[in-house]
Amino acid sequence: MPRRILVVLGHPDLNPRRLCRALADSYAEGARSAGHEVRRIDIARLDFPLLSSMEEFEHGMIPPDLKDAAEAIRRAEHIVFVFPLWLGTMPALLKAFLEQVMRPGVAFAYPKAGKDGFAATLLKGHSARVIVTMGMPAPLYRFWYLGHGIAGMRRNILNFVGIGPVRESLFGMVESVSDARRRKWIAAVHALGKRAR
């Protein structure tokens, strides 16, 4: 059955030769070829401010450039995040984007005044895939560093707002990879797109 898929390209660099861009393109092409509805957000092309207070996060307006993005996240059934690993986690621009769009009223709701309990998840029923490129070997990041940056994103952001399951595709040693290996990775992501996984 066709799904509504949102591909969020979280690489801050607009250089078209970046592997993240090729992976995002390939996933979207695979999904479209199987009849899925695909939207795409390229955060490097957006202009939005950083949040600087809890007051802004809880009561401020979503910046105009991100209103469509917030609506796309609400509407999507499956969200794919593609980004490079920087200092063990996502780039700051992607984190700033998520802080803006995963707000109360969009992604979750605080318990009503005077009531105990957990925040209500507003994105329940969404699934996600996190596609990450890195300079180190992927098994080293996964097993030695316990994938801490991605684990934090999954647990503290995506699962918190109800998104699950969250699957991962990690591609390591990207600076030294052969063209053949790169093509194999791109083909694998294309296949994931076809299956909306």
N, C-alpha and C. Protein backbone atom coordinates (compact mmCIF):
# COMPACT_ATOMS: atom_id res chain seq x y z
N MET A 1 0.84 -1.19 0.00
CA MET A 1 0.00 0.00 0.00
C MET A 1 0.88 1.25 0.00
N PRO A 2 0.59 2.22 -0.88
CA PRO A 2 1.41 3.44 -0.92
C PRO A 2 1.37 4.19 0.40
N ARG A 3 2.51 4.78 0.75
CA ARG A 3 2.62 5.55 1.99
C ARG A 3 3.04 6.98 1.69
N ARG A 4 2.76 7.87 2.63
CA ARG A 4 3.23 9.25 2.54
C ARG A 4 4.57 9.33 3.24
N ILE A 5 5.61 9.64 2.46
CA ILE A 5 6.99 9.63 2.95
C ILE A 5 7.57 11.04 2.89
N LEU A 6 8.26 11.40 3.95
CA LEU A 6 8.98 12.66 4.00
C LEU A 6 10.47 12.36 4.14
N VAL A 7 11.27 12.89 3.23
CA VAL A 7 12.73 12.74 3.29
C VAL A 7 13.31 14.07 3.75
N VAL A 8 14.00 14.04 4.90
CA VAL A 8 14.63 15.24 5.45
C VAL A 8 16.14 15.12 5.25
N LEU A 9 16.67 15.93 4.36
CA LEU A 9 18.11 15.93 4.11
C LEU A 9 18.75 16.91 5.09
N GLY A 10 19.51 16.38 6.04
CA GLY A 10 20.05 17.18 7.13
C GLY A 10 21.50 17.58 6.96
N HIS A 11 22.04 17.50 5.75
CA HIS A 11 23.43 17.95 5.53
C HIS A 11 23.43 19.45 5.28
N PRO A 12 24.18 20.22 6.07
CA PRO A 12 24.18 21.68 5.90
C PRO A 12 24.90 22.17 4.63
N ASP A 13 25.64 21.29 3.96
CA ASP A 13 26.42 21.67 2.79
C ASP A 13 25.60 21.41 1.52
N LEU A 14 25.49 22.43 0.66
CA LEU A 14 24.72 22.30 -0.58
C LEU A 14 25.51 21.64 -1.71
N ASN A 15 26.76 21.27 -1.47
CA ASN A 15 27.58 20.64 -2.50
C ASN A 15 26.86 19.40 -3.06
N PRO A 16 26.56 19.37 -4.35
CA PRO A 16 25.80 18.25 -4.91
C PRO A 16 26.54 16.91 -4.89
N ARG A 17 27.85 16.94 -4.63
CA ARG A 17 28.61 15.68 -4.63
C ARG A 17 28.59 14.97 -3.28
N ARG A 18 27.97 15.55 -2.29
CA ARG A 18 27.91 14.92 -0.97
C ARG A 18 27.14 13.59 -1.04
N LEU A 19 27.69 12.58 -0.39
CA LEU A 19 27.04 11.27 -0.37
C LEU A 19 25.64 11.35 0.21
N CYS A 20 25.45 12.16 1.23
CA CYS A 20 24.11 12.29 1.82
C CYS A 20 23.08 12.70 0.77
N ARG A 21 23.47 13.61 -0.13
CA ARG A 21 22.55 14.06 -1.17
C ARG A 21 22.22 12.91 -2.12
N ALA A 22 23.21 12.12 -2.48
CA ALA A 22 22.97 10.98 -3.36
C ALA A 22 22.07 9.95 -2.69
N LEU A 23 22.26 9.72 -1.39
CA LEU A 23 21.44 8.76 -0.66
C LEU A 23 20.00 9.26 -0.55
N ALA A 24 19.81 10.55 -0.25
CA ALA A 24 18.45 11.10 -0.16
C ALA A 24 17.75 11.02 -1.51
N ASP A 25 18.47 11.36 -2.59
CA ASP A 25 17.91 11.26 -3.94
C ASP A 25 17.48 9.84 -4.25
N SER A 26 18.36 8.89 -3.93
CA SER A 26 18.10 7.49 -4.25
C SER A 26 16.90 6.95 -3.48
N TYR A 27 16.82 7.29 -2.19
CA TYR A 27 15.67 6.83 -1.40
C TYR A 27 14.38 7.38 -2.00
N ALA A 28 14.36 8.69 -2.30
CA ALA A 28 13.16 9.32 -2.85
C ALA A 28 12.78 8.71 -4.20
N GLU A 29 13.78 8.48 -5.05
CA GLU A 29 13.50 7.88 -6.36
C GLU A 29 12.93 6.47 -6.21
N GLY A 30 13.51 5.69 -5.31
CA GLY A 30 13.01 4.34 -5.08
C GLY A 30 11.57 4.36 -4.59
N ALA A 31 11.28 5.26 -3.66
CA ALA A 31 9.93 5.35 -3.12
C ALA A 31 8.93 5.78 -4.19
N ARG A 32 9.29 6.78 -4.98
CA ARG A 32 8.38 7.23 -6.04
C ARG A 32 8.14 6.12 -7.07
N SER A 33 9.19 5.37 -7.39
CA SER A 33 9.06 4.31 -8.40
C SER A 33 8.09 3.22 -7.94
N ALA A 34 7.88 3.09 -6.64
CA ALA A 34 6.95 2.09 -6.10
C ALA A 34 5.58 2.69 -5.81
N GLY A 35 5.37 3.94 -6.20
CA GLY A 35 4.05 4.55 -6.05
C GLY A 35 3.82 5.28 -4.75
N HIS A 36 4.85 5.43 -3.93
CA HIS A 36 4.69 6.17 -2.68
C HIS A 36 4.69 7.68 -2.96
N GLU A 37 3.99 8.42 -2.13
CA GLU A 37 3.98 9.89 -2.22
C GLU A 37 5.18 10.41 -1.44
N VAL A 38 6.02 11.19 -2.08
CA VAL A 38 7.27 11.64 -1.44
C VAL A 38 7.34 13.16 -1.41
N ARG A 39 7.64 13.70 -0.23
CA ARG A 39 8.01 15.10 -0.08
C ARG A 39 9.43 15.15 0.44
N ARG A 40 10.08 16.25 0.20
CA ARG A 40 11.48 16.37 0.60
C ARG A 40 11.74 17.73 1.22
N ILE A 41 12.54 17.74 2.28
CA ILE A 41 12.97 18.97 2.92
C ILE A 41 14.50 18.97 2.93
N ASP A 42 15.08 20.02 2.41
CA ASP A 42 16.53 20.18 2.40
C ASP A 42 16.85 21.32 3.37
N ILE A 43 17.31 20.98 4.57
CA ILE A 43 17.46 22.02 5.59
C ILE A 43 18.52 23.06 5.23
N ALA A 44 19.46 22.73 4.36
CA ALA A 44 20.47 23.71 3.95
C ALA A 44 19.85 24.86 3.14
N ARG A 45 18.66 24.65 2.63
CA ARG A 45 17.98 25.68 1.83
C ARG A 45 16.98 26.51 2.64
N LEU A 46 16.85 26.19 3.92
CA LEU A 46 15.89 26.90 4.77
C LEU A 46 16.57 28.03 5.53
N ASP A 47 15.80 29.02 5.88
CA ASP A 47 16.31 30.14 6.66
C ASP A 47 15.43 30.26 7.90
N PHE A 48 15.99 29.96 9.06
CA PHE A 48 15.21 30.02 10.29
C PHE A 48 16.14 30.35 11.46
N PRO A 49 15.61 30.96 12.51
CA PRO A 49 16.44 31.32 13.67
C PRO A 49 16.60 30.14 14.63
N LEU A 50 17.61 30.26 15.47
CA LEU A 50 17.78 29.30 16.56
C LEU A 50 16.85 29.67 17.70
N LEU A 51 16.35 28.66 18.40
CA LEU A 51 15.59 28.92 19.62
C LEU A 51 16.57 29.32 20.72
N SER A 52 16.16 30.28 21.55
CA SER A 52 17.07 30.72 22.60
C SER A 52 16.44 30.69 23.99
N SER A 53 15.21 30.22 24.11
CA SER A 53 14.59 30.15 25.43
C SER A 53 13.48 29.12 25.45
N MET A 54 13.15 28.64 26.64
CA MET A 54 12.02 27.73 26.82
C MET A 54 10.71 28.42 26.43
N GLU A 55 10.64 29.70 26.71
CA GLU A 55 9.44 30.47 26.36
C GLU A 55 9.19 30.42 24.85
N GLU A 56 10.25 30.61 24.06
CA GLU A 56 10.12 30.52 22.60
C GLU A 56 9.67 29.13 22.18
N PHE A 57 10.29 28.10 22.78
CA PHE A 57 9.98 26.71 22.42
C PHE A 57 8.51 26.40 22.70
N GLU A 58 8.04 26.82 23.86
CA GLU A 58 6.69 26.44 24.28
C GLU A 58 5.60 27.35 23.72
N HIS A 59 5.91 28.64 23.52
CA HIS A 59 4.85 29.57 23.15
C HIS A 59 5.13 30.39 21.89
N GLY A 60 6.33 30.30 21.37
CA GLY A 60 6.65 31.07 20.17
C GLY A 60 6.01 30.47 18.93
N MET A 61 5.97 31.28 17.89
CA MET A 61 5.41 30.83 16.61
C MET A 61 6.49 30.09 15.81
N ILE A 62 6.06 29.07 15.09
CA ILE A 62 6.99 28.41 14.17
C ILE A 62 7.37 29.40 13.09
N PRO A 63 8.67 29.55 12.78
CA PRO A 63 9.08 30.51 11.75
C PRO A 63 8.38 30.23 10.42
N PRO A 64 8.10 31.28 9.64
CA PRO A 64 7.38 31.10 8.37
C PRO A 64 8.00 30.06 7.45
N ASP A 65 9.34 30.03 7.37
CA ASP A 65 10.01 29.07 6.48
C ASP A 65 9.84 27.62 6.93
N LEU A 66 9.36 27.40 8.15
CA LEU A 66 9.22 26.04 8.66
C LEU A 66 7.78 25.58 8.82
N LYS A 67 6.82 26.44 8.51
CA LYS A 67 5.41 26.04 8.66
C LYS A 67 5.07 24.86 7.76
N ASP A 68 5.52 24.91 6.51
CA ASP A 68 5.27 23.78 5.59
C ASP A 68 5.98 22.52 6.07
N ALA A 69 7.19 22.70 6.63
CA ALA A 69 7.93 21.54 7.13
C ALA A 69 7.21 20.88 8.29
N ALA A 70 6.69 21.69 9.21
CA ALA A 70 5.95 21.14 10.35
C ALA A 70 4.71 20.39 9.88
N GLU A 71 4.02 20.96 8.88
CA GLU A 71 2.83 20.29 8.35
C GLU A 71 3.22 18.99 7.63
N ALA A 72 4.34 19.00 6.93
CA ALA A 72 4.80 17.79 6.24
C ALA A 72 5.12 16.68 7.23
N ILE A 73 5.70 17.05 8.37
CA ILE A 73 6.00 16.06 9.41
C ILE A 73 4.71 15.48 9.99
N ARG A 74 3.73 16.34 10.25
CA ARG A 74 2.44 15.85 10.76
C ARG A 74 1.78 14.89 9.78
N ARG A 75 1.87 15.21 8.50
CA ARG A 75 1.16 14.47 7.47
C ARG A 75 1.85 13.15 7.09
N ALA A 76 3.15 13.11 7.22
CA ALA A 76 3.91 11.93 6.77
C ALA A 76 3.57 10.71 7.61
N GLU A 77 3.63 9.56 6.96
CA GLU A 77 3.49 8.28 7.67
C GLU A 77 4.87 7.70 7.99
N HIS A 78 5.85 8.05 7.18
CA HIS A 78 7.22 7.55 7.34
C HIS A 78 8.17 8.71 7.06
N ILE A 79 9.11 8.95 7.98
CA ILE A 79 10.05 10.06 7.85
C ILE A 79 11.47 9.50 7.77
N VAL A 80 12.22 9.96 6.78
CA VAL A 80 13.59 9.51 6.57
C VAL A 80 14.51 10.70 6.81
N PHE A 81 15.45 10.54 7.74
CA PHE A 81 16.44 11.57 8.03
C PHE A 81 17.78 11.11 7.48
N VAL A 82 18.41 11.95 6.67
CA VAL A 82 19.71 11.63 6.07
C VAL A 82 20.69 12.72 6.49
N PHE A 83 21.78 12.32 7.16
CA PHE A 83 22.73 13.33 7.62
C PHE A 83 24.10 12.72 7.89
N PRO A 84 25.15 13.56 7.92
CA PRO A 84 26.49 13.09 8.28
C PRO A 84 26.65 13.14 9.80
N LEU A 85 27.48 12.26 10.31
CA LEU A 85 27.81 12.27 11.74
C LEU A 85 28.87 13.34 11.98
N TRP A 86 28.56 14.32 12.81
CA TRP A 86 29.50 15.38 13.16
C TRP A 86 29.65 15.38 14.67
N LEU A 87 30.87 15.20 15.14
CA LEU A 87 31.16 15.15 16.58
C LEU A 87 30.25 14.15 17.28
N GLY A 88 30.00 13.03 16.64
CA GLY A 88 29.27 11.93 17.26
C GLY A 88 27.77 12.01 17.18
N THR A 89 27.25 13.07 16.55
CA THR A 89 25.79 13.21 16.49
C THR A 89 25.41 13.97 15.22
N MET A 90 24.16 14.43 15.16
CA MET A 90 23.68 15.15 13.99
C MET A 90 24.30 16.55 13.92
N PRO A 91 24.40 17.14 12.73
CA PRO A 91 24.87 18.52 12.62
C PRO A 91 23.94 19.47 13.38
N ALA A 92 24.50 20.57 13.85
CA ALA A 92 23.74 21.54 14.64
C ALA A 92 22.54 22.09 13.89
N LEU A 93 22.64 22.26 12.58
CA LEU A 93 21.52 22.81 11.82
C LEU A 93 20.32 21.86 11.84
N LEU A 94 20.57 20.55 11.78
CA LEU A 94 19.48 19.58 11.87
C LEU A 94 18.87 19.61 13.26
N LYS A 95 19.69 19.71 14.30
CA LYS A 95 19.16 19.79 15.66
C LYS A 95 18.31 21.04 15.83
N ALA A 96 18.77 22.17 15.28
CA ALA A 96 18.00 23.41 15.37
C ALA A 96 16.67 23.28 14.64
N PHE A 97 16.67 22.60 13.51
CA PHE A 97 15.43 22.34 12.76
C PHE A 97 14.46 21.52 13.59
N LEU A 98 14.96 20.45 14.20
CA LEU A 98 14.09 19.59 15.01
C LEU A 98 13.55 20.34 16.23
N GLU A 99 14.36 21.19 16.83
CA GLU A 99 13.86 21.99 17.96
C GLU A 99 12.71 22.90 17.54
N GLN A 100 12.76 23.40 16.32
CA GLN A 100 11.70 24.28 15.83
C GLN A 100 10.42 23.51 15.49
N VAL A 101 10.55 22.36 14.86
CA VAL A 101 9.34 21.67 14.37
C VAL A 101 8.78 20.62 15.32
N MET A 102 9.56 20.14 16.28
CA MET A 102 9.07 19.14 17.23
C MET A 102 8.59 19.83 18.51
N ARG A 103 7.75 20.82 18.36
CA ARG A 103 7.29 21.66 19.46
C ARG A 103 5.99 21.14 20.07
N PRO A 104 5.66 21.66 21.25
CA PRO A 104 4.34 21.39 21.81
C PRO A 104 3.26 21.87 20.83
N GLY A 105 2.26 21.06 20.65
CA GLY A 105 1.18 21.39 19.73
C GLY A 105 1.41 20.87 18.33
N VAL A 106 2.64 20.58 17.98
CA VAL A 106 2.97 20.00 16.67
C VAL A 106 3.31 18.53 16.84
N ALA A 107 4.24 18.22 17.74
CA ALA A 107 4.73 16.86 17.89
C ALA A 107 4.30 16.21 19.20
N PHE A 108 4.03 17.01 20.22
CA PHE A 108 3.59 16.46 21.51
C PHE A 108 2.76 17.51 22.23
N ALA A 109 2.10 17.09 23.29
CA ALA A 109 1.30 18.02 24.09
C ALA A 109 1.59 17.76 25.56
N TYR A 110 1.82 18.84 26.30
CA TYR A 110 2.03 18.71 27.74
C TYR A 110 0.75 18.24 28.41
N PRO A 111 0.86 17.56 29.56
CA PRO A 111 -0.36 17.21 30.31
C PRO A 111 -1.11 18.49 30.71
N LYS A 112 -2.42 18.39 30.84
CA LYS A 112 -3.21 19.55 31.24
C LYS A 112 -2.84 19.98 32.64
N ALA A 113 -2.98 21.27 32.91
CA ALA A 113 -2.64 21.84 34.21
C ALA A 113 -3.35 21.08 35.33
N GLY A 114 -2.59 20.77 36.37
CA GLY A 114 -3.16 20.07 37.51
C GLY A 114 -3.22 18.57 37.37
N LYS A 115 -2.81 18.05 36.21
CA LYS A 115 -2.84 16.61 36.00
C LYS A 115 -1.42 16.08 35.94
N ASP A 116 -1.22 14.94 36.58
CA ASP A 116 0.07 14.27 36.50
C ASP A 116 0.08 13.43 35.23
N GLY A 117 1.27 13.09 34.79
CA GLY A 117 1.36 12.20 33.64
C GLY A 117 2.41 12.64 32.66
N PHE A 118 2.49 11.88 31.59
CA PHE A 118 3.47 12.12 30.54
C PHE A 118 2.86 12.98 29.44
N ALA A 119 3.74 13.57 28.66
CA ALA A 119 3.28 14.33 27.50
C ALA A 119 2.59 13.38 26.52
N ALA A 120 1.58 13.92 25.85
CA ALA A 120 0.87 13.14 24.83
C ALA A 120 1.68 13.18 23.54
N THR A 121 1.83 12.04 22.91
CA THR A 121 2.55 11.97 21.65
C THR A 121 1.58 12.27 20.51
N LEU A 122 1.94 13.21 19.66
CA LEU A 122 1.07 13.60 18.56
C LEU A 122 1.48 12.99 17.23
N LEU A 123 2.61 12.28 17.21
CA LEU A 123 3.08 11.66 15.96
C LEU A 123 3.05 10.14 16.05
N LYS A 124 2.21 9.62 16.91
CA LYS A 124 2.08 8.16 17.03
C LYS A 124 1.58 7.59 15.71
N GLY A 125 2.12 6.46 15.34
CA GLY A 125 1.76 5.85 14.07
C GLY A 125 2.73 6.17 12.95
N HIS A 126 3.61 7.15 13.16
CA HIS A 126 4.67 7.43 12.18
C HIS A 126 5.83 6.47 12.42
N SER A 127 6.51 6.11 11.37
CA SER A 127 7.77 5.35 11.50
C SER A 127 8.88 6.21 10.92
N ALA A 128 10.12 5.78 11.12
CA ALA A 128 11.25 6.57 10.62
C ALA A 128 12.44 5.67 10.27
N ARG A 129 13.29 6.20 9.42
CA ARG A 129 14.60 5.62 9.15
C ARG A 129 15.61 6.75 9.27
N VAL A 130 16.73 6.45 9.91
CA VAL A 130 17.83 7.39 10.07
C VAL A 130 19.00 6.85 9.24
N ILE A 131 19.41 7.60 8.23
CA ILE A 131 20.51 7.21 7.34
C ILE A 131 21.68 8.15 7.64
N VAL A 132 22.79 7.57 8.10
CA VAL A 132 23.91 8.39 8.59
C VAL A 132 25.21 7.98 7.91
N THR A 133 25.96 8.98 7.45
CA THR A 133 27.30 8.75 6.91
C THR A 133 28.31 9.20 7.96
N MET A 134 29.49 8.56 7.94
CA MET A 134 30.51 8.90 8.94
C MET A 134 31.90 8.56 8.43
N GLY A 135 32.90 9.17 9.02
CA GLY A 135 34.28 8.93 8.65
C GLY A 135 34.84 7.67 9.29
N MET A 136 34.35 7.29 10.45
CA MET A 136 34.84 6.08 11.14
C MET A 136 34.11 4.85 10.64
N PRO A 137 34.62 3.66 10.94
CA PRO A 137 33.87 2.45 10.59
C PRO A 137 32.53 2.41 11.34
N ALA A 138 31.47 2.09 10.63
CA ALA A 138 30.15 2.06 11.26
C ALA A 138 30.08 1.10 12.46
N PRO A 139 30.68 -0.10 12.39
CA PRO A 139 30.62 -0.98 13.58
C PRO A 139 31.31 -0.37 14.80
N LEU A 140 32.37 0.41 14.59
CA LEU A 140 33.03 1.07 15.71
C LEU A 140 32.08 2.06 16.38
N TYR A 141 31.38 2.83 15.57
CA TYR A 141 30.42 3.78 16.14
C TYR A 141 29.28 3.05 16.86
N ARG A 142 28.80 1.99 16.25
CA ARG A 142 27.65 1.27 16.82
C ARG A 142 28.00 0.55 18.12
N PHE A 143 29.17 -0.12 18.14
CA PHE A 143 29.46 -1.00 19.28
C PHE A 143 30.41 -0.39 20.32
N TRP A 144 31.38 0.41 19.88
CA TRP A 144 32.29 1.02 20.85
C TRP A 144 31.67 2.29 21.45
N TYR A 145 31.12 3.13 20.56
CA TYR A 145 30.49 4.38 21.03
C TYR A 145 29.00 4.20 21.33
N LEU A 146 28.51 2.99 21.11
CA LEU A 146 27.11 2.64 21.37
C LEU A 146 26.14 3.52 20.58
N GLY A 147 26.62 4.06 19.45
CA GLY A 147 25.76 4.88 18.60
C GLY A 147 25.06 5.98 19.37
N HIS A 148 25.78 6.59 20.32
CA HIS A 148 25.13 7.45 21.30
C HIS A 148 24.36 8.63 20.69
N GLY A 149 24.89 9.25 19.66
CA GLY A 149 24.20 10.40 19.07
C GLY A 149 22.90 10.00 18.41
N ILE A 150 22.92 8.88 17.68
CA ILE A 150 21.71 8.40 17.03
C ILE A 150 20.74 7.84 18.06
N ALA A 151 21.27 7.16 19.07
CA ALA A 151 20.41 6.64 20.13
C ALA A 151 19.69 7.78 20.84
N GLY A 152 20.39 8.89 21.07
CA GLY A 152 19.76 10.05 21.69
C GLY A 152 18.67 10.64 20.81
N MET A 153 18.91 10.72 19.51
CA MET A 153 17.90 11.22 18.59
C MET A 153 16.67 10.32 18.60
N ARG A 154 16.92 9.02 18.54
CA ARG A 154 15.80 8.06 18.52
C ARG A 154 14.98 8.14 19.80
N ARG A 155 15.66 8.08 20.94
CA ARG A 155 14.97 8.00 22.23
C ARG A 155 14.39 9.34 22.66
N ASN A 156 15.20 10.41 22.59
CA ASN A 156 14.83 11.69 23.18
C ASN A 156 14.03 12.60 22.27
N ILE A 157 14.04 12.32 20.97
CA ILE A 157 13.26 13.15 20.05
C ILE A 157 12.18 12.31 19.38
N LEU A 158 12.59 11.32 18.58
CA LEU A 158 11.62 10.60 17.76
C LEU A 158 10.65 9.76 18.59
N ASN A 159 11.19 8.90 19.47
CA ASN A 159 10.30 8.09 20.31
C ASN A 159 9.47 8.96 21.24
N PHE A 160 10.05 10.05 21.72
CA PHE A 160 9.35 10.93 22.66
C PHE A 160 8.06 11.48 22.06
N VAL A 161 8.06 11.75 20.75
CA VAL A 161 6.87 12.30 20.11
C VAL A 161 6.00 11.22 19.48
N GLY A 162 6.37 9.94 19.68
CA GLY A 162 5.54 8.84 19.21
C GLY A 162 6.01 8.15 17.95
N ILE A 163 7.12 8.59 17.37
CA ILE A 163 7.60 7.99 16.13
C ILE A 163 8.29 6.67 16.42
N GLY A 164 7.85 5.62 15.77
CA GLY A 164 8.46 4.30 15.94
C GLY A 164 7.74 3.28 15.07
N PRO A 165 8.42 2.25 14.61
CA PRO A 165 9.83 1.99 14.90
C PRO A 165 10.75 2.97 14.15
N VAL A 166 11.97 3.08 14.67
CA VAL A 166 13.01 3.88 14.04
C VAL A 166 14.13 2.93 13.64
N ARG A 167 14.35 2.80 12.35
CA ARG A 167 15.40 1.92 11.83
C ARG A 167 16.61 2.76 11.42
N GLU A 168 17.77 2.12 11.34
CA GLU A 168 19.01 2.83 11.05
C GLU A 168 19.75 2.20 9.88
N SER A 169 20.40 3.03 9.10
CA SER A 169 21.36 2.61 8.08
C SER A 169 22.61 3.45 8.27
N LEU A 170 23.70 2.83 8.64
CA LEU A 170 24.95 3.54 8.90
C LEU A 170 25.98 3.19 7.83
N PHE A 171 26.61 4.22 7.27
CA PHE A 171 27.62 4.04 6.24
C PHE A 171 28.91 4.69 6.70
N GLY A 172 29.95 3.88 6.93
CA GLY A 172 31.20 4.37 7.48
C GLY A 172 32.35 4.43 6.50
N MET A 173 33.41 5.11 6.92
CA MET A 173 34.64 5.27 6.12
C MET A 173 34.33 5.90 4.76
N VAL A 174 33.45 6.90 4.75
CA VAL A 174 32.94 7.41 3.48
C VAL A 174 34.00 8.14 2.66
N GLU A 175 35.04 8.70 3.31
CA GLU A 175 36.05 9.42 2.54
C GLU A 175 36.92 8.50 1.68
N SER A 176 37.05 7.25 2.10
CA SER A 176 37.93 6.34 1.38
C SER A 176 37.19 5.25 0.62
N VAL A 177 35.89 5.31 0.58
CA VAL A 177 35.11 4.24 -0.04
C VAL A 177 35.30 4.25 -1.56
N SER A 178 35.30 3.07 -2.17
CA SER A 178 35.43 2.96 -3.62
C SER A 178 34.13 3.38 -4.30
N ASP A 179 34.23 3.73 -5.57
CA ASP A 179 33.02 4.08 -6.33
C ASP A 179 32.04 2.92 -6.38
N ALA A 180 32.57 1.71 -6.49
CA ALA A 180 31.70 0.52 -6.55
C ALA A 180 30.92 0.36 -5.24
N ARG A 181 31.62 0.56 -4.13
CA ARG A 181 30.95 0.44 -2.83
C ARG A 181 29.91 1.54 -2.65
N ARG A 182 30.25 2.74 -3.07
CA ARG A 182 29.30 3.86 -3.00
C ARG A 182 28.04 3.54 -3.82
N ARG A 183 28.22 3.01 -5.04
CA ARG A 183 27.06 2.64 -5.86
C ARG A 183 26.22 1.56 -5.18
N LYS A 184 26.88 0.64 -4.48
CA LYS A 184 26.16 -0.42 -3.77
C LYS A 184 25.31 0.18 -2.64
N TRP A 185 25.87 1.13 -1.91
CA TRP A 185 25.11 1.79 -0.84
C TRP A 185 23.90 2.54 -1.41
N ILE A 186 24.12 3.25 -2.51
CA ILE A 186 23.03 4.03 -3.12
C ILE A 186 21.93 3.10 -3.60
N ALA A 187 22.31 1.95 -4.16
CA ALA A 187 21.31 0.97 -4.61
C ALA A 187 20.55 0.37 -3.43
N ALA A 188 21.25 0.13 -2.33
CA ALA A 188 20.59 -0.42 -1.15
C ALA A 188 19.56 0.54 -0.60
N VAL A 189 19.87 1.83 -0.60
CA VAL A 189 18.93 2.84 -0.11
C VAL A 189 17.74 2.97 -1.07
N HIS A 190 18.00 2.84 -2.37
CA HIS A 190 16.93 2.85 -3.37
C HIS A 190 15.93 1.72 -3.06
N ALA A 191 16.45 0.55 -2.73
CA ALA A 191 15.59 -0.59 -2.40
C ALA A 191 14.78 -0.31 -1.14
N LEU A 192 15.40 0.33 -0.15
CA LEU A 192 14.65 0.70 1.06
C LEU A 192 13.51 1.66 0.73
N GLY A 193 13.76 2.60 -0.18
CA GLY A 193 12.73 3.54 -0.58
C GLY A 193 11.56 2.84 -1.25
N LYS A 194 11.85 1.88 -2.10
CA LYS A 194 10.77 1.13 -2.76
C LYS A 194 9.87 0.44 -1.75
N ARG A 195 10.47 -0.04 -0.66
CA ARG A 195 9.71 -0.76 0.36
C ARG A 195 9.18 0.17 1.46
N ALA A 196 9.48 1.46 1.35
CA ALA A 196 9.09 2.44 2.38
C ALA A 196 9.55 1.99 3.75
N ARG A 197 10.80 1.56 3.83
CA ARG A 197 11.37 1.06 5.09
C ARG A 197 12.46 2.00 5.55
